[in-house]
Amino acid sequence: MQEIQVLQTKPDIVVALSGEIAAENADDFYAEIKALYELSPSDITFDCEKLSFIDSTTLGTFVKLLKCAKTDGHTLRLKKLQPRLKKLFVICALDTIMEIEG
């Protein structure tokens, strides 16, 4: 199960993620973040300190959100990823197209 907590929407969107994001809830995650982005297009930062699990569907969801942001000249940033989750992004070379901090 995932939990999405919106920390701020201006000037940038900051969202704290916790729990698991996988195939079963990735569409809901995408829809919620996309709706938030459409209300206030800006850079998106995800605080992933409490995110415990993602799968390949989730990786694809982050790429879709990145495409939305980049189309409008914004960026997507992931902060505080656990080392094993960060490794997934590195293995898939996603660290070369999105900002990953800490």
Protein backbone atom coordinates (compact mmCIF):
# COMPACT_ATOMS: atom_id res chain seq x y z
CA MET A 1 0.00 0.00 0.00
CA GLN A 2 1.18 3.49 -0.80
CA GLU A 3 0.74 6.79 0.94
CA ILE A 4 1.09 10.08 -0.88
CA GLN A 5 1.43 13.20 1.22
CA VAL A 6 1.51 16.55 -0.57
CA LEU A 7 3.95 18.77 1.33
CA GLN A 8 3.68 21.83 -0.92
CA THR A 9 2.35 22.91 -4.31
CA LYS A 10 4.01 26.31 -4.74
CA PRO A 11 6.47 27.31 -6.05
CA ASP A 12 7.25 23.64 -6.75
CA ILE A 13 5.34 20.45 -6.04
CA VAL A 14 6.83 18.41 -3.18
CA VAL A 15 5.34 15.01 -2.37
CA ALA A 16 6.38 12.52 0.31
CA LEU A 17 5.94 8.87 -0.68
CA SER A 18 5.76 5.94 1.69
CA GLY A 19 4.97 2.25 1.50
CA GLU A 20 4.91 0.32 -1.76
CA ILE A 21 4.13 1.45 -5.29
CA ALA A 22 3.68 -1.49 -7.65
CA ALA A 23 1.60 -2.57 -10.64
CA GLU A 24 -1.57 -2.76 -8.55
CA ASN A 25 -1.49 0.90 -7.53
CA ALA A 26 0.81 2.58 -10.07
CA ASP A 27 -2.12 3.86 -12.15
CA ASP A 28 -3.68 5.52 -9.10
CA PHE A 29 -0.31 7.01 -8.17
CA TYR A 30 0.13 8.40 -11.70
CA ALA A 31 -3.41 9.83 -11.81
CA GLU A 32 -3.02 11.57 -8.45
CA ILE A 33 0.34 13.15 -9.27
CA LYS A 34 -0.70 14.07 -12.83
CA ALA A 35 -3.84 15.81 -11.52
CA LEU A 36 -1.75 17.71 -8.97
CA TYR A 37 0.73 18.70 -11.69
CA GLU A 38 -2.01 19.91 -14.04
CA LEU A 39 -3.36 22.23 -11.32
CA SER A 40 0.03 23.86 -10.86
CA PRO A 41 2.66 22.87 -13.45
CA SER A 42 6.10 23.17 -11.86
CA ASP A 43 9.09 21.08 -10.86
CA ILE A 44 8.13 17.91 -8.99
CA THR A 45 10.17 16.62 -6.05
CA PHE A 46 9.46 13.27 -4.43
CA ASP A 47 10.72 12.66 -0.90
CA CYS A 48 11.24 8.88 -0.99
CA GLU A 49 12.68 8.38 2.49
CA LYS A 50 9.77 6.14 3.55
CA LEU A 51 9.20 4.47 0.18
CA SER A 52 9.90 0.77 0.74
CA PHE A 53 9.19 -0.92 -2.61
CA ILE A 54 8.80 -0.17 -6.30
CA ASP A 55 8.61 -2.41 -9.34
CA SER A 56 9.20 -1.97 -13.07
CA THR A 57 5.71 -0.54 -13.53
CA THR A 58 6.56 2.15 -11.01
CA LEU A 59 9.78 2.96 -12.85
CA GLY A 60 7.70 3.45 -16.00
CA THR A 61 5.29 5.67 -14.08
CA PHE A 62 8.13 7.93 -12.96
CA VAL A 63 9.29 8.16 -16.60
CA LYS A 64 5.76 9.14 -17.72
CA LEU A 65 5.65 11.85 -15.06
CA LEU A 66 9.11 13.04 -16.10
CA LYS A 67 7.91 13.34 -19.71
CA CYS A 68 4.97 15.49 -18.60
CA ALA A 69 7.25 17.77 -16.61
CA LYS A 70 9.94 18.05 -19.30
CA THR A 71 7.35 18.87 -21.97
CA ASP A 72 6.57 22.02 -19.98
CA GLY A 73 10.21 22.83 -19.20
CA HIS A 74 10.14 21.41 -15.66
CA THR A 75 12.01 18.60 -13.97
CA LEU A 76 11.35 15.62 -11.73
CA ARG A 77 13.58 15.00 -8.72
CA LEU A 78 13.80 12.04 -6.35
CA LYS A 79 15.28 12.61 -2.88
CA LYS A 80 16.30 10.26 -0.08
CA LEU A 81 15.86 7.00 -2.01
CA GLN A 82 16.86 3.92 -0.08
CA PRO A 83 20.07 2.45 -1.56
CA ARG A 84 18.37 -0.67 -2.96
CA LEU A 85 15.71 1.46 -4.68
CA LYS A 86 18.28 3.90 -6.01
CA LYS A 87 20.14 0.92 -7.48
CA LEU A 88 17.08 0.11 -9.64
CA PHE A 89 17.15 3.59 -11.15
CA VAL A 90 20.91 3.32 -11.78
CA ILE A 91 20.66 -0.17 -13.35
CA CYS A 92 17.96 1.14 -15.71
CA ALA A 93 20.05 4.29 -16.41
CA LEU A 94 17.18 6.48 -15.21
CA ASP A 95 19.65 8.44 -13.11
CA THR A 96 20.89 9.89 -16.41
CA ILE A 97 17.51 11.44 -17.29
CA MET A 98 16.12 12.49 -13.91
CA GLU A 99 17.61 14.08 -10.82
CA ILE A 100 18.29 11.66 -7.99
CA GLU A 101 19.60 13.16 -4.76
CA GLY A 102 20.80 11.28 -1.69
